[in-house]
Protein backbone atom coordinates (compact mmCIF):
# COMPACT_ATOMS: atom_id res chain seq x y z
CA MET A 1 9.52 120.46 -12.96
CA LEU A 2 12.54 118.30 -12.08
CA PHE A 3 13.53 120.89 -9.55
CA LEU A 4 10.03 120.98 -8.02
CA ILE A 5 10.34 116.89 -7.62
CA GLN A 6 13.62 117.17 -6.04
CA THR A 7 12.66 119.94 -3.77
CA ASN A 8 9.75 118.12 -2.47
CA LYS A 9 11.95 115.04 -1.89
CA PHE A 10 14.11 116.93 0.02
CA GLN A 11 11.29 118.51 2.12
CA ILE A 12 9.81 115.10 2.83
CA HIS A 13 13.30 113.73 3.83
CA ARG A 14 13.87 116.91 6.19
CA ASN A 15 10.59 116.20 7.73
CA LEU A 16 11.33 112.68 8.21
CA ASN A 17 14.63 113.23 9.58
CA ILE A 18 13.03 115.72 12.19
CA ALA A 19 10.55 113.14 13.08
CA PHE A 20 13.17 110.65 13.77
CA LYS A 21 15.27 113.23 15.73
CA GLN A 22 12.38 113.88 18.26
CA THR A 23 12.87 110.83 20.04
CA SER A 24 15.47 110.30 22.73
CA TRP A 25 17.40 107.52 20.92
CA PHE A 26 20.27 106.93 22.97
CA HIS A 27 20.01 104.24 25.40
CA CYS A 28 22.62 103.31 28.09
CA LEU A 29 23.42 99.93 29.12
CA SER A 30 23.36 98.89 32.88
CA GLU A 31 26.13 97.33 34.58
CA THR A 32 24.26 94.10 34.73
CA ASP A 33 23.66 94.17 30.71
CA VAL A 34 27.33 94.97 30.24
CA ALA A 35 28.35 92.00 32.43
CA ILE A 36 25.78 89.85 30.45
CA GLU A 37 27.17 90.91 27.07
CA ARG A 38 30.87 90.57 28.29
CA ILE A 39 30.36 86.96 29.21
CA ALA A 40 28.18 86.10 26.09
CA THR A 41 31.24 87.66 24.14
CA VAL A 42 33.66 85.76 26.00
CA ILE A 43 31.76 82.60 24.83
CA ASN A 44 31.12 83.57 21.56
CA ASP A 45 34.68 84.28 20.88
CA HIS A 46 36.16 81.36 22.63
CA PRO A 47 38.08 79.14 20.01
CA PHE A 48 36.33 76.06 19.29
CA PRO A 49 36.94 73.17 19.53
CA ASP A 50 40.82 73.98 20.29
CA LYS A 51 40.18 74.52 24.14
CA ARG A 52 37.56 73.64 26.49
CA LEU A 53 35.24 76.57 27.79
CA HIS A 54 35.29 75.59 31.55
CA SER A 55 38.47 76.99 32.32
CA THR A 56 37.78 80.24 30.68
CA LEU A 57 34.58 80.37 32.63
CA ARG A 58 36.05 79.87 35.71
CA ARG A 59 38.45 82.46 35.10
CA GLU A 60 35.96 85.09 33.69
CA ILE A 61 33.06 84.52 36.29
CA PRO A 62 33.35 85.47 39.81
CA PRO A 63 31.61 82.77 42.22
CA GLY A 64 28.75 85.24 43.28
CA VAL A 65 27.86 86.41 39.71
CA LEU A 66 26.01 83.19 38.62
CA SER A 67 22.52 84.20 39.78
CA THR A 68 19.59 82.65 38.25
CA THR A 69 18.49 85.57 36.28
CA PHE A 70 21.95 86.30 35.01
CA VAL A 71 22.30 82.73 33.48
CA GLU A 72 18.91 82.93 31.90
CA ASN A 73 20.10 86.53 30.19
CA VAL A 74 23.39 85.00 29.01
CA LEU A 75 21.53 82.25 27.54
CA GLY A 76 18.82 84.34 25.87
CA HIS A 77 21.88 86.51 24.42
CA LEU A 78 23.56 83.40 22.98
CA PHE A 79 20.52 82.28 21.33
CA GLY A 80 19.85 85.43 19.88
CA ALA A 81 23.24 85.61 18.79
CA HIS A 82 23.18 82.15 16.82
CA SER A 83 26.08 81.25 18.93
CA ASN A 84 27.53 77.62 18.57
CA GLY A 85 25.13 75.31 20.37
CA ILE A 86 27.72 73.26 22.13
CA LYS A 87 29.09 76.38 23.53
CA ALA A 88 25.83 77.50 25.14
CA TYR A 89 25.62 73.74 26.29
CA GLU A 90 29.04 73.73 28.03
CA PHE A 91 28.06 77.11 29.71
CA PHE A 92 25.05 75.59 31.19
CA ARG A 93 26.58 72.58 32.46
CA PHE A 94 29.26 74.70 34.04
CA CYS A 95 26.64 76.55 35.97
CA LEU A 96 25.16 73.26 37.02
CA CYS A 97 28.22 72.38 38.82
CA GLN A 98 28.56 75.44 41.00
CA PRO A 99 27.41 74.86 44.53
CA HIS A 100 25.38 78.36 44.68
CA TYR A 101 23.69 78.34 41.34
CA VAL A 102 20.08 77.37 41.38
CA PRO A 103 18.80 76.11 37.89
CA SER A 104 15.54 77.29 36.25
CA SER A 105 13.34 75.99 33.58
CA ASP A 106 13.71 79.00 31.57
CA ALA A 107 17.71 78.52 31.44
CA PHE A 108 17.27 74.90 30.68
CA GLU A 109 14.57 75.46 28.00
CA LYS A 110 16.96 78.18 26.24
CA THR A 111 19.90 75.66 26.24
CA LEU A 112 17.64 72.91 24.71
CA HIS A 113 16.30 75.38 22.27
CA ILE A 114 19.80 76.37 21.29
CA LEU A 115 20.62 72.70 20.75
CA THR A 116 17.80 71.55 18.74
CA ARG A 117 17.72 74.46 16.54
CA MET A 118 21.29 73.65 15.46
CA ARG A 119 20.01 70.02 15.13
CA TYR A 120 22.22 68.47 17.92
CA PHE A 121 19.59 66.30 19.07
CA ASP A 122 21.93 63.65 20.91
CA LYS A 123 23.05 66.37 23.00
CA ALA A 124 19.52 67.57 23.38
CA TRP A 125 18.43 64.00 24.65
CA GLU A 126 21.60 63.96 26.94
CA LEU A 127 20.46 67.36 28.72
CA MET A 128 17.07 66.23 28.92
CA GLY A 129 18.12 62.91 30.91
CA THR A 130 20.60 65.09 32.92
CA ILE A 131 17.72 67.35 33.94
CA ARG A 132 15.44 64.31 34.58
CA ASP A 133 17.67 62.76 36.89
CA LYS A 134 19.17 66.00 38.78
CA HIS A 135 16.36 68.32 38.43
CA PRO A 136 13.25 66.76 37.47
CA ILE A 137 11.31 69.84 38.52
CA LEU A 138 12.75 71.98 35.53
CA LEU A 139 11.00 69.59 33.12
CA THR A 140 7.89 71.54 31.59
CA LEU A 141 5.51 71.58 28.73
CA LYS A 142 7.66 73.87 26.96
CA SER A 143 10.69 71.71 27.09
CA ILE A 144 8.48 69.01 25.13
CA SER A 145 7.28 71.50 22.66
CA ILE A 146 10.84 72.82 21.78
CA MET A 147 12.07 69.18 21.37
CA ILE A 148 9.14 67.88 19.36
CA SER A 149 8.82 70.89 17.35
CA ARG A 150 12.22 70.83 16.07
CA ILE A 151 12.29 67.02 15.49
CA ALA A 152 9.18 67.62 13.40
CA LYS A 153 11.01 70.12 11.47
CA PHE A 154 14.09 68.32 10.58
CA GLN A 155 13.13 64.73 10.96
CA SER A 156 10.64 62.20 9.73
CA TYR A 157 7.08 61.72 10.74
CA GLU A 158 7.88 58.15 12.39
CA GLU A 159 10.82 59.95 14.33
CA THR A 160 8.61 62.47 15.62
CA LEU A 161 6.21 60.04 16.84
CA GLU A 162 8.97 57.74 18.37
CA ALA A 163 10.41 61.15 20.05
CA PHE A 164 6.94 61.88 21.81
CA GLN A 165 7.03 58.11 22.98
CA ARG A 166 10.16 58.78 24.40
CA MET A 167 9.36 61.73 26.34
CA GLU A 168 6.42 59.94 27.65
CA LYS A 169 8.01 56.55 28.76
CA GLY A 170 11.29 57.72 29.59
CA ILE A 171 11.94 61.51 30.33
CA PHE A 172 8.45 62.19 31.82
CA SER A 173 7.95 58.44 33.01
CA GLY A 174 6.18 59.66 36.29
CA LYS A 175 3.78 61.85 34.62
CA GLN A 176 0.22 61.00 32.95
CA PHE A 177 0.22 62.57 29.33
CA GLY A 178 -2.90 64.04 28.46
CA SER A 179 -4.75 66.67 26.33
CA GLU A 180 -2.01 69.38 26.72
CA GLU A 181 0.78 67.08 25.50
CA PHE A 182 -1.31 65.78 22.66
CA ASN A 183 -1.82 69.31 21.77
CA ILE A 184 1.88 70.00 21.56
CA LEU A 185 2.32 67.00 19.17
CA LEU A 186 -0.27 68.36 17.09
CA ARG A 187 1.15 71.71 16.95
CA ALA A 188 4.64 70.50 16.12
CA PHE A 189 3.10 69.17 12.74
CA SER A 190 0.65 72.08 12.20
CA THR A 191 3.17 74.75 12.38
CA GLN A 192 5.23 72.97 9.66
CA ARG A 193 2.16 72.98 7.57
CA GLN A 194 2.23 69.11 7.67
CA MET A 195 -1.31 68.86 7.80
CA LYS A 196 -1.63 65.47 6.53
CA GLU A 197 0.63 64.08 9.24
CA ALA A 198 -1.53 66.13 11.92
CA ARG A 199 -4.75 64.81 10.65
CA SER A 200 -3.09 61.25 10.92
CA VAL A 201 -2.00 61.86 14.57
CA PHE A 202 -5.43 63.19 15.22
CA ASN A 203 -7.14 60.25 14.25
CA LYS A 204 -4.67 57.82 15.80
CA LEU A 205 -4.52 59.22 19.20
CA HIS A 206 -7.70 61.51 19.96
CA THR A 207 -9.50 58.50 21.70
CA ARG A 208 -6.63 58.34 24.17
CA PHE A 209 -6.09 62.03 24.65
CA SER A 210 -9.37 63.60 24.93
CA PRO A 211 -9.37 66.73 22.53
CA ASN A 212 -10.51 70.24 23.49
CA THR A 213 -11.04 73.51 22.15
CA LYS A 214 -7.51 74.37 22.13
CA THR A 215 -6.76 71.22 20.05
CA LEU A 216 -9.28 71.99 17.29
CA ASN A 217 -7.82 75.39 16.97
CA ILE A 218 -4.21 74.25 16.60
CA LEU A 219 -5.41 72.31 13.61
CA LEU A 220 -7.32 75.31 12.41
CA LEU A 221 -4.39 77.43 12.52
CA GLY A 222 -2.41 74.76 10.41
CA PHE A 223 -5.15 74.60 7.80
CA LYS A 224 -4.97 78.55 7.68
CA GLU A 225 -0.97 78.44 7.30
CA SER A 226 -1.18 75.77 4.76
CA GLY A 227 -4.44 75.83 2.59
CA GLY A 228 -6.25 79.51 3.14
CA VAL A 229 -9.76 80.44 3.45
CA THR A 230 -11.27 77.29 1.99
CA SER A 231 -9.48 74.58 4.29
CA VAL A 232 -10.21 76.83 7.24
CA GLU A 233 -13.92 77.16 6.72
CA LEU A 234 -14.33 73.47 5.94
CA PHE A 235 -12.34 72.21 8.91
CA TYR A 236 -14.16 75.20 11.03
CA HIS A 237 -17.62 73.29 10.05
CA GLU A 238 -16.05 70.03 10.89
CA MET A 239 -15.30 71.46 14.23
CA ILE A 240 -18.93 72.60 14.99
CA LYS A 241 -20.17 69.33 13.64
CA ARG A 242 -18.18 67.32 16.40
CA GLY A 243 -19.66 69.77 19.03
CA PHE A 244 -16.92 72.17 19.61
CA LYS A 245 -17.62 75.62 20.50
CA PRO A 246 -15.67 78.40 19.00
CA ASN A 247 -13.80 81.20 21.05
CA SER A 248 -11.92 84.25 20.40
CA VAL A 249 -8.87 82.46 19.06
CA THR A 250 -11.19 80.41 16.63
CA TYR A 251 -12.64 83.45 15.00
CA SER A 252 -9.30 85.28 15.35
CA ILE A 253 -7.75 82.40 13.10
CA ARG A 254 -10.62 82.72 10.62
CA ILE A 255 -10.59 86.28 10.35
CA ASP A 256 -6.50 86.35 9.66
CA ALA A 257 -7.32 83.92 6.83
CA TYR A 258 -9.76 86.27 5.14
CA CYS A 259 -7.02 89.34 6.07
CA LYS A 260 -4.45 87.52 4.54
CA LYS A 261 -6.17 87.15 1.18
CA GLY A 262 -7.31 91.17 1.27
CA TYR A 263 -10.81 90.04 1.93
CA LEU A 264 -11.30 92.70 4.71
CA GLY A 265 -15.14 92.95 4.37
CA ASP A 266 -15.39 89.37 5.01
CA ALA A 267 -13.30 89.74 8.03
CA LEU A 268 -15.09 92.76 9.19
CA ARG A 269 -18.37 90.34 8.80
CA LEU A 270 -16.75 87.87 11.17
CA PHE A 271 -15.95 90.22 13.84
CA GLU A 272 -19.67 91.23 13.93
CA GLU A 273 -20.74 87.67 14.07
CA MET A 274 -18.05 86.91 16.97
CA GLU A 275 -19.95 89.93 18.85
CA GLN A 276 -23.28 88.69 18.19
CA CYS A 277 -22.07 85.40 19.45
CA LYS A 278 -21.14 87.24 22.83
CA ILE A 279 -17.48 86.50 22.29
CA MET A 280 -15.76 89.27 23.37
CA PRO A 281 -12.89 90.49 20.94
CA THR A 282 -9.16 90.69 22.16
CA VAL A 283 -6.30 93.19 21.37
CA GLU A 284 -4.87 90.29 19.24
CA THR A 285 -8.30 89.93 17.25
CA ILE A 286 -8.22 93.56 16.43
CA THR A 287 -4.76 93.88 15.55
CA THR A 288 -5.20 91.04 13.06
CA LEU A 289 -7.93 93.57 11.54
CA ILE A 290 -5.61 96.26 11.49
CA HIS A 291 -3.23 94.27 9.49
CA GLY A 292 -5.76 93.21 7.25
CA ALA A 293 -6.76 96.73 6.70
CA GLY A 294 -3.14 97.34 5.71
CA ILE A 295 -3.23 94.63 3.26
CA ALA A 296 -6.45 96.07 1.53
CA ARG A 297 -4.26 99.41 1.45
CA ASN A 298 -7.44 101.08 3.69
CA VAL A 299 -5.45 103.07 6.16
CA THR A 300 -8.56 105.05 7.42
CA LYS A 301 -9.85 101.66 8.56
CA ALA A 302 -6.76 100.63 9.98
CA LYS A 303 -6.79 103.95 12.18
CA GLU A 304 -10.37 103.23 12.96
CA CYS A 305 -9.68 99.73 14.26
CA PHE A 306 -6.44 101.05 16.29
CA ASP A 307 -8.99 103.62 18.00
CA GLU A 308 -11.41 101.10 18.82
CA ILE A 309 -8.92 99.24 21.06
CA SER A 310 -9.10 102.07 23.69
CA LYS A 311 -12.81 102.57 22.97
CA ARG A 312 -13.29 98.97 24.27
CA ASN A 313 -11.31 99.56 27.40
CA LEU A 314 -8.36 97.40 25.93
CA LYS A 315 -4.77 98.52 25.94
CA ALA A 316 -2.89 98.81 22.80
CA ASP A 317 0.34 96.92 23.04
CA ILE A 318 3.27 96.64 20.83
CA GLY A 319 1.70 94.13 18.60
CA ALA A 320 -0.99 96.73 17.67
CA TYR A 321 1.17 99.63 17.13
CA ASN A 322 3.55 97.43 14.78
CA ALA A 323 0.24 96.58 12.79
CA LEU A 324 -0.72 100.28 12.43
CA LEU A 325 2.85 101.23 11.49
CA SER A 326 2.56 98.45 8.93
CA SER A 327 -0.47 99.59 7.43
CA LEU A 328 0.65 103.01 7.22
CA LEU A 329 3.80 102.00 5.52
CA GLN A 330 1.75 99.85 3.12
CA CYS A 331 0.06 103.21 2.00
CA LYS A 332 3.41 104.73 1.63
CA ASP A 333 2.98 107.32 4.59
CA VAL A 334 6.24 107.27 6.04
CA LYS A 335 6.02 110.51 7.72
CA SER A 336 3.00 109.30 9.79
CA ALA A 337 4.93 106.01 10.48
CA ALA A 338 7.90 107.70 11.85
CA ALA A 339 5.71 109.85 14.18
CA LEU A 340 3.99 106.80 15.36
CA MET A 341 7.45 105.26 16.30
CA ASN A 342 7.85 108.51 18.47
CA GLU A 343 4.57 108.14 19.94
CA MET A 344 5.45 104.37 21.00
CA GLU A 345 8.62 105.85 22.76
CA ASP A 346 6.69 108.57 24.47
CA LYS A 347 4.26 106.09 25.74
CA ASN A 348 7.03 103.60 26.69
CA ILE A 349 5.70 101.12 24.48
CA GLY A 350 9.25 100.52 23.19
CA LEU A 351 10.59 99.34 19.75
CA ASP A 352 11.12 95.88 18.96
CA ASN A 353 12.70 94.06 15.99
CA VAL A 354 9.30 93.88 14.16
CA THR A 355 9.30 97.67 14.46
CA TYR A 356 12.69 98.05 13.19
CA HIS A 357 12.05 95.65 10.19
CA THR A 358 8.73 97.22 9.15
CA MET A 359 10.30 100.66 9.33
CA PHE A 360 13.31 99.53 7.17
CA LEU A 361 11.10 97.77 4.45
CA GLY A 362 9.05 101.15 4.23
CA LEU A 363 12.13 103.17 3.95
CA MET A 364 13.54 100.82 1.44
CA ARG A 365 10.53 101.53 -0.84
CA SER A 366 10.08 105.02 -0.54
CA TYR A 367 13.21 106.69 0.22
CA GLY A 368 16.09 104.66 -0.39
CA ILE A 369 19.63 104.27 1.44
CA ALA A 370 20.15 107.51 2.97
CA ALA A 371 17.17 107.69 5.04
CA LEU A 372 17.42 103.92 5.73
CA SER A 373 20.84 104.36 6.92
CA GLU A 374 19.95 107.29 9.31
CA LEU A 375 17.55 104.76 10.87
CA TYR A 376 20.19 102.01 10.99
CA GLN A 377 22.54 104.63 12.68
CA LYS A 378 19.99 105.22 15.35
CA MET A 379 19.34 101.71 15.81
CA ILE A 380 23.05 101.08 16.76
CA GLU A 381 23.20 104.00 18.93
CA ARG A 382 20.47 102.43 21.11
CA ASN A 383 22.65 99.22 21.36
CA PHE A 384 19.71 97.61 19.73
CA VAL A 385 20.36 93.95 18.03
CA PRO A 386 18.12 93.14 15.29
CA LYS A 387 17.06 89.58 14.74
CA THR A 388 18.62 87.26 11.88
CA ARG A 389 15.87 88.19 9.31
CA THR A 390 16.36 91.87 9.71
CA ILE A 391 20.46 91.53 9.65
CA VAL A 392 20.10 89.52 6.57
CA MET A 393 17.67 91.99 4.80
CA LEU A 394 20.06 94.80 5.98
CA MET A 395 23.03 93.31 4.60
CA LYS A 396 21.58 92.48 1.34
CA TYR A 397 20.30 95.77 0.81
CA PHE A 398 23.73 97.54 1.86
CA CYS A 399 25.54 95.39 -0.73
CA GLU A 400 23.18 95.98 -3.29
CA ASN A 401 23.41 99.63 -3.06
CA GLN A 402 27.15 99.53 -2.91
CA ARG A 403 27.37 100.57 0.70
CA LEU A 404 29.93 97.83 1.84
CA ASP A 405 31.02 100.42 4.73
CA LEU A 406 27.64 99.96 6.36
CA GLY A 407 27.76 95.95 5.56
CA VAL A 408 31.45 95.73 7.20
CA ASN A 409 30.23 98.07 10.09
CA LEU A 410 26.94 95.77 10.76
CA TRP A 411 29.24 92.63 10.78
CA SER A 412 31.45 94.36 13.19
CA TYR A 413 28.97 95.49 15.31
CA LEU A 414 27.35 92.24 15.71
CA LEU A 415 30.68 90.59 16.73
CA GLU A 416 31.37 93.39 19.30
CA LYS A 417 27.84 92.59 21.01
CA GLY A 418 28.75 88.98 21.11
CA HIS A 419 26.67 87.65 18.29
CA CYS A 420 27.78 85.40 15.67
CA PRO A 421 26.07 86.46 12.15
CA HIS A 422 24.21 83.94 10.16
CA SER A 423 25.77 82.15 7.28
CA HIS A 424 23.31 83.97 4.77
CA ALA A 425 24.87 87.39 6.09
CA LEU A 426 28.18 86.20 5.41
CA ASP A 427 27.50 85.00 2.10
CA LEU A 428 26.01 88.41 1.14
CA LEU A 429 29.00 90.32 2.59
CA VAL A 430 31.54 88.07 0.95
CA THR A 431 30.03 88.26 -2.45
CA GLY A 432 30.04 91.95 -1.96
CA LEU A 433 33.60 92.33 -1.07
CA CYS A 434 34.83 90.06 -3.36
CA SER A 435 33.20 91.61 -6.22
CA ARG A 436 35.03 94.66 -5.29
CA GLY A 437 38.35 93.32 -4.66
CA ARG A 438 38.13 93.46 -1.04
CA PHE A 439 39.66 89.82 -0.48
CA GLU A 440 41.40 90.60 2.80
CA GLU A 441 37.97 91.75 4.61
CA ALA A 442 36.18 88.70 2.89
CA TYR A 443 38.95 86.55 4.27
CA ASP A 444 38.63 87.97 7.63
CA CYS A 445 35.05 87.96 8.01
CA SER A 446 34.92 84.19 7.01
CA LYS A 447 37.60 83.33 9.50
CA GLN A 448 35.71 85.08 12.38
CA MET A 449 32.71 82.72 11.44
CA LEU A 450 34.92 79.68 11.38
CA GLU A 451 36.65 80.47 14.83
CA ARG A 452 33.15 81.00 16.70
CA GLY A 453 32.32 77.51 15.92
CA ARG A 454 30.02 78.04 12.89
CA HIS A 455 30.26 76.59 9.45
CA MET A 456 30.65 78.69 6.50
CA SER A 457 28.68 77.90 3.36
CA GLU A 458 29.88 76.16 0.10
CA LEU A 459 29.10 79.34 -1.84
CA SER A 460 30.98 81.62 0.22
CA TYR A 461 34.11 79.34 0.62
CA ARG A 462 34.37 78.41 -3.19
CA MET A 463 34.01 82.02 -4.19
CA LEU A 464 36.77 83.05 -1.87
CA GLU A 465 39.01 80.12 -2.80
CA ARG A 466 38.75 81.27 -6.42
CA TYR A 467 39.77 84.82 -5.71
CA LEU A 468 42.63 83.93 -3.28
CA LEU A 469 44.01 81.49 -5.71
CA GLN A 470 44.00 84.15 -8.15
CA ILE A 471 46.15 86.62 -6.28
CA GLY A 472 48.30 83.82 -4.91
CA GLN A 473 47.33 83.74 -1.12
CA MET A 474 47.62 80.05 -0.64
CA ASP A 475 48.42 80.43 2.98
CA LYS A 476 45.03 82.13 3.55
CA LEU A 477 43.09 79.16 1.75
CA GLN A 478 45.18 76.57 3.75
CA ASN A 479 44.36 78.43 7.08
CA LEU A 480 40.61 78.48 6.01
CA ASP A 481 40.75 74.74 5.23
CA LYS A 482 42.49 73.76 8.59
CA LEU A 483 39.70 75.86 10.36
CA ILE A 484 36.95 74.02 8.54
CA ARG A 485 38.59 70.63 8.89
CA ARG A 486 38.85 71.35 12.85
CA LEU A 487 35.33 72.22 13.11
CA GLN A 488 34.14 69.36 10.70
CA ALA A 489 35.79 66.89 13.50
CA THR A 490 33.48 67.97 16.06
CA LEU A 491 30.21 69.40 14.09
CA PRO A 492 29.57 67.59 10.75
CA PRO A 493 28.48 69.89 8.26
CA SER A 494 24.62 70.07 6.85
CA ARG A 495 23.96 70.22 3.26
CA GLY A 496 25.32 73.61 1.75
CA HIS A 497 28.02 73.92 4.23
CA ALA A 498 31.75 74.30 3.06
CA ASN A 499 34.16 71.12 2.85
CA ALA A 500 37.74 71.81 3.03
CA ASN A 501 40.04 70.76 0.17
CA SER A 502 42.11 67.53 0.81
């Protein structure tokens, strides 16, 4: 019996292995990609704050290289790499000083996003003031959204309203704010599930800014994320009483609310109602149903919904494929999921972070470390860099399964690609390395994090401190303290960050 079980597992793993290998996994980087990656790595590796970045950039970047697209791509790389926000800001300011560089809204927005994500709001306001004075055409609704949404996340209700007024009267003083700007303010609170605050803003300002269907959909989405089906339906009927007509987005939000709770039958009923009202479903609507079928463990219905996309003369995008992939894995059909990944490649759909993250989860649940490490190696061969959520998930899994070699490999790969891994990934790796007596490597990783201008956590620092004291490595501990103090002088630590010993 045991022999049969082991043989069956071997055969399944072999089939999965073949399915993965059918795809051409290797991806060659273009010369432009290499140049972008190189400059991003130079910025990320630059010692902070010992030296100014401008002199290094003048030396490393030829005058003719700074095209609009090149700068956008470098900033996009720095954003994905969780690089120090001040460095990204210095890079953008350097570019603005170059006579032949033509700045774009995209480059400005990415720099603003990097700064606000790291809560450097003073620098963000400084940047917006510079753009207002020198390149006002770059100011967009998206830049308002980036700033307001981060302030709503990290600061108070009153501070968010003050920031909105500052935008209206200061940064965008020549522009009349209307429904679009009002919607941005509502979305900032709704995405943070601050529905009490969102309702307050709506009640306070709706007479000044005429609400539209998009306004009500934003609030409906907030109620879906914070309260579930009952809150959504109550607010939906309030919308109808106010005279608003639902559209495809409205129905998609309601359908998703039911799908998230596993009420697939109710979601399908709403889908039929939508068609009866002559509101045409979109790919996004059907994608929501595919996800819902996966949650309900109804893979047959998930496939039916996916096939429905082409029958309606719509084109399945990567979101629809990822939804079907997730549904297959919810039902533990890993072989079919691997085949679907091949199909995505064959049809030039591509594989994104959601694809990899979903597949990694499926392999963790069904096959374990061997199959997962194989897909991980394929991902590395393709030069694909996963996002933070996937990085932390992989690091945790590698450390828990005693594959610290893969954890260290992932860390090194990210640094080579010009990324600065998130502090959660460092926490996991330091814990794993220290628990197995690999203190030198834990120290090196922590030092690399600090040298790149990112704080390490109090958890990692105290753990490393304890072990370094035990083995008498006071010089290494003093070096860490020096790096932390130097960083604190420029970037005050937030709650949970390490503080050096005095």
